[in-house]
Structures are given as C-alpha cells and as structure tokens.
C-alpha cells in the first residue's frame, strides 16, 4: 500500500478499508487455469499467455463468457499489475507445492466444483 496513490481528500475510514483487503488475494497458476482465493471467495479461470518476455507478460483470462487482459510485470519474487488508473497490485511468489507438479496432490475444492 506504500506505493498506492490516494486522493488527498480520502477519508481515513476508506483508507483503512483499502488497507484491510491487501494481502488476501492469492492466485495459483497451473498450465491452463488460475485459481483465485480472496477471503471466502474462490474462482477458477482459464488463461492464455498472449505475449511474454523476461520482464512481463500479457495474459488473457477467461471466466465463463467474461474475458479480461492484464499486463503482468515481473520483479524478482514479485509480480504486479495495474489496479485502477494510478495504482498497481503486488503479488509475492510463494514456494511451489511440489505435490501439484508431480500429480500427487488433489485439486482444490474450488476446481472440483467447477467441473
């Protein structure tokens, strides 16, 4: 939140609200899907990398009939994307779950419900 730009007149209550939601959005990418978790909400979307280099990627996300594109930028163990007009949202890379890579782990319940 230290890099977010807020209007000068933003009430402290609204600033506290924004501060309370940071750090709760988790994305897990597999070869075809991204699994999202935010508090008690879960989602599964298909994605396709439209373009990429070592610094960034343009990714198309499909959730049912809805589509959206994000330009994702890489910075060490972090990636970030535009969140609104003047702000970016950062995500920190977590240690990979080797069980998912080997096929030993089960898909999360959100993925099972989406079938």
C-alpha atoms as a PDB file:
ATOM      1  CA  UNK A   1       0.000   0.000   0.000  1.00  0.00           C
ATOM      2  CA  UNK A   2       3.020   2.262   0.427  1.00  0.00           C
ATOM      3  CA  UNK A   3       3.079   2.877  -3.323  1.00  0.00           C
ATOM      4  CA  UNK A   4      -0.654   3.470  -3.758  1.00  0.00           C
ATOM      5  CA  UNK A   5      -1.845   6.939  -4.688  1.00  0.00           C
ATOM      6  CA  UNK A   6      -4.954   8.133  -2.855  1.00  0.00           C
ATOM      7  CA  UNK A   7      -6.903  11.345  -3.411  1.00  0.00           C
ATOM      8  CA  UNK A   8      -5.930  13.982  -0.842  1.00  0.00           C
ATOM      9  CA  UNK A   9      -9.491  14.181   0.480  1.00  0.00           C
ATOM     10  CA  UNK A  10      -9.943  10.414   1.002  1.00  0.00           C
ATOM     11  CA  UNK A  11     -11.465   9.776   4.405  1.00  0.00           C
ATOM     12  CA  UNK A  12      -9.424   7.785   6.935  1.00  0.00           C
ATOM     13  CA  UNK A  13     -12.237   5.209   7.066  1.00  0.00           C
ATOM     14  CA  UNK A  14     -11.889   4.480   3.341  1.00  0.00           C
ATOM     15  CA  UNK A  15      -8.114   4.292   3.623  1.00  0.00           C
ATOM     16  CA  UNK A  16      -8.469   1.768   6.480  1.00  0.00           C
ATOM     17  CA  UNK A  17     -10.909  -0.256   4.328  1.00  0.00           C
ATOM     18  CA  UNK A  18      -8.372  -0.465   1.493  1.00  0.00           C
ATOM     19  CA  UNK A  19      -5.610  -1.391   3.938  1.00  0.00           C
ATOM     20  CA  UNK A  20      -7.782  -4.208   5.337  1.00  0.00           C
ATOM     21  CA  UNK A  21      -8.114  -6.009   1.991  1.00  0.00           C
ATOM     22  CA  UNK A  22      -4.438  -6.110   0.987  1.00  0.00           C
ATOM     23  CA  UNK A  23      -2.610  -9.406   1.374  1.00  0.00           C
ATOM     24  CA  UNK A  24      -5.700 -11.589   0.998  1.00  0.00           C
ATOM     25  CA  UNK A  25      -5.751 -12.127  -2.778  1.00  0.00           C
ATOM     26  CA  UNK A  26      -3.996 -15.377  -3.779  1.00  0.00           C
ATOM     27  CA  UNK A  27      -3.525 -16.640  -7.337  1.00  0.00           C
ATOM     28  CA  UNK A  28      -2.226 -20.118  -8.171  1.00  0.00           C
ATOM     29  CA  UNK A  29      -1.317 -20.820 -11.774  1.00  0.00           C
ATOM     30  CA  UNK A  30      -1.319 -24.244 -13.400  1.00  0.00           C
ATOM     31  CA  UNK A  31      -0.608 -24.878 -17.081  1.00  0.00           C
ATOM     32  CA  UNK A  32      -4.179 -23.908 -18.125  1.00  0.00           C
ATOM     33  CA  UNK A  33      -6.006 -22.412 -15.132  1.00  0.00           C
ATOM     34  CA  UNK A  34      -5.551 -19.792 -12.473  1.00  0.00           C
ATOM     35  CA  UNK A  35      -7.202 -20.477  -9.121  1.00  0.00           C
ATOM     36  CA  UNK A  36      -8.088 -17.368  -7.152  1.00  0.00           C
ATOM     37  CA  UNK A  37      -8.888 -17.004  -3.468  1.00  0.00           C
ATOM     38  CA  UNK A  38      -9.957 -13.818  -1.706  1.00  0.00           C
ATOM     39  CA  UNK A  39     -11.270 -14.262   1.836  1.00  0.00           C
ATOM     40  CA  UNK A  40     -14.132 -16.795   1.412  1.00  0.00           C
ATOM     41  CA  UNK A  41     -14.484 -16.337  -2.367  1.00  0.00           C
ATOM     42  CA  UNK A  42     -12.914 -18.818  -4.773  1.00  0.00           C
ATOM     43  CA  UNK A  43     -12.667 -18.686  -8.551  1.00  0.00           C
ATOM     44  CA  UNK A  44     -11.224 -20.659 -11.424  1.00  0.00           C
ATOM     45  CA  UNK A  45     -10.398 -19.058 -14.772  1.00  0.00           C
ATOM     46  CA  UNK A  46      -8.701 -20.322 -17.880  1.00  0.00           C
ATOM     47  CA  UNK A  47      -5.851 -18.193 -19.111  1.00  0.00           C
ATOM     48  CA  UNK A  48      -3.626 -17.844 -22.139  1.00  0.00           C
ATOM     49  CA  UNK A  49      -0.322 -16.008 -22.389  1.00  0.00           C
ATOM     50  CA  UNK A  50      -0.626 -13.765 -25.446  1.00  0.00           C
ATOM     51  CA  UNK A  51       2.917 -12.396 -25.279  1.00  0.00           C
ATOM     52  CA  UNK A  52       5.812 -12.581 -22.832  1.00  0.00           C
ATOM     53  CA  UNK A  53       9.449 -11.733 -22.321  1.00  0.00           C
ATOM     54  CA  UNK A  54      11.693 -11.911 -19.263  1.00  0.00           C
ATOM     55  CA  UNK A  55      10.191  -8.751 -17.706  1.00  0.00           C
ATOM     56  CA  UNK A  56       6.457  -9.052 -18.354  1.00  0.00           C
ATOM     57  CA  UNK A  57       3.572 -10.995 -19.898  1.00  0.00           C
ATOM     58  CA  UNK A  58       0.235 -10.093 -21.468  1.00  0.00           C
ATOM     59  CA  UNK A  59      -2.312 -12.606 -20.257  1.00  0.00           C
ATOM     60  CA  UNK A  60      -5.916 -13.223 -21.374  1.00  0.00           C
ATOM     61  CA  UNK A  61      -8.165 -14.517 -18.578  1.00  0.00           C
ATOM     62  CA  UNK A  62     -11.470 -16.232 -19.397  1.00  0.00           C
ATOM     63  CA  UNK A  63     -14.111 -16.722 -16.737  1.00  0.00           C
ATOM     64  CA  UNK A  64     -17.180 -18.153 -18.446  1.00  0.00           C
ATOM     65  CA  UNK A  65     -18.172 -15.632 -21.116  1.00  0.00           C
ATOM     66  CA  UNK A  66     -16.244 -12.779 -19.490  1.00  0.00           C
ATOM     67  CA  UNK A  67     -12.714 -12.009 -20.682  1.00  0.00           C
ATOM     68  CA  UNK A  68     -10.098  -9.585 -19.409  1.00  0.00           C
ATOM     69  CA  UNK A  69      -6.456  -8.910 -20.224  1.00  0.00           C
ATOM     70  CA  UNK A  70      -3.740  -7.999 -17.727  1.00  0.00           C
ATOM     71  CA  UNK A  71      -0.207  -6.886 -18.430  1.00  0.00           C
ATOM     72  CA  UNK A  72       1.770  -8.545 -15.639  1.00  0.00           C
ATOM     73  CA  UNK A  73       5.263  -7.301 -14.737  1.00  0.00           C
ATOM     74  CA  UNK A  74       7.922  -9.419 -13.020  1.00  0.00           C
ATOM     75  CA  UNK A  75      10.273  -8.100 -10.345  1.00  0.00           C
ATOM     76  CA  UNK A  76      12.323 -10.838  -8.651  1.00  0.00           C
ATOM     77  CA  UNK A  77       9.992 -12.893  -6.454  1.00  0.00           C
ATOM     78  CA  UNK A  78       7.157 -10.441  -7.103  1.00  0.00           C
ATOM     79  CA  UNK A  79       4.790  -9.715  -9.943  1.00  0.00           C
ATOM     80  CA  UNK A  80       2.489  -6.774 -10.248  1.00  0.00           C
ATOM     81  CA  UNK A  81      -0.322  -5.490 -12.432  1.00  0.00           C
ATOM     82  CA  UNK A  82      -2.272  -2.301 -12.910  1.00  0.00           C
ATOM     83  CA  UNK A  83      -5.069  -1.921 -10.354  1.00  0.00           C
ATOM     84  CA  UNK A  84      -7.163   1.040 -11.370  1.00  0.00           C
ATOM     85  CA  UNK A  85      -5.760   4.050 -13.151  1.00  0.00           C
ATOM     86  CA  UNK A  86      -2.837   5.047 -10.932  1.00  0.00           C
ATOM     87  CA  UNK A  87      -2.062   2.030  -8.755  1.00  0.00           C
ATOM     88  CA  UNK A  88      -0.527  -1.407  -9.012  1.00  0.00           C
ATOM     89  CA  UNK A  89      -1.230  -4.569  -7.055  1.00  0.00           C
ATOM     90  CA  UNK A  90       1.747  -6.688  -5.994  1.00  0.00           C
ATOM     91  CA  UNK A  91       1.811 -10.457  -5.563  1.00  0.00           C
ATOM     92  CA  UNK A  92       4.680 -12.328  -3.889  1.00  0.00           C
ATOM     93  CA  UNK A  93       5.794 -15.677  -5.260  1.00  0.00           C
ATOM     94  CA  UNK A  94       5.132 -18.485  -2.814  1.00  0.00           C
ATOM     95  CA  UNK A  95       7.119 -21.688  -2.528  1.00  0.00           C
ATOM     96  CA  UNK A  96       5.723 -24.087  -5.139  1.00  0.00           C
ATOM     97  CA  UNK A  97       3.732 -27.077  -3.952  1.00  0.00           C
ATOM     98  CA  UNK A  98       5.726 -29.933  -5.475  1.00  0.00           C
ATOM     99  CA  UNK A  99       2.737 -32.267  -4.985  1.00  0.00           C
ATOM    100  CA  UNK A 100       0.794 -30.363  -7.644  1.00  0.00           C
ATOM    101  CA  UNK A 101       3.701 -30.550 -10.072  1.00  0.00           C
ATOM    102  CA  UNK A 102       4.089 -34.323  -9.608  1.00  0.00           C
ATOM    103  CA  UNK A 103       0.344 -35.022  -9.726  1.00  0.00           C
ATOM    104  CA  UNK A 104       0.263 -36.404  -6.159  1.00  0.00           C
ATOM    105  CA  UNK A 105      -1.834 -33.583  -4.715  1.00  0.00           C
ATOM    106  CA  UNK A 106      -5.550 -33.158  -5.309  1.00  0.00           C
ATOM    107  CA  UNK A 107      -7.007 -30.082  -6.965  1.00  0.00           C
ATOM    108  CA  UNK A 108      -8.542 -27.571  -4.549  1.00  0.00           C
ATOM    109  CA  UNK A 109     -12.265 -27.932  -3.916  1.00  0.00           C
ATOM    110  CA  UNK A 110     -12.960 -24.807  -5.962  1.00  0.00           C
ATOM    111  CA  UNK A 111     -11.549 -26.566  -9.013  1.00  0.00           C
ATOM    112  CA  UNK A 112     -13.536 -29.709  -8.302  1.00  0.00           C
ATOM    113  CA  UNK A 113     -16.807 -27.755  -8.019  1.00  0.00           C
ATOM    114  CA  UNK A 114     -16.195 -26.043 -11.350  1.00  0.00           C
ATOM    115  CA  UNK A 115     -16.358 -29.310 -13.281  1.00  0.00           C
END
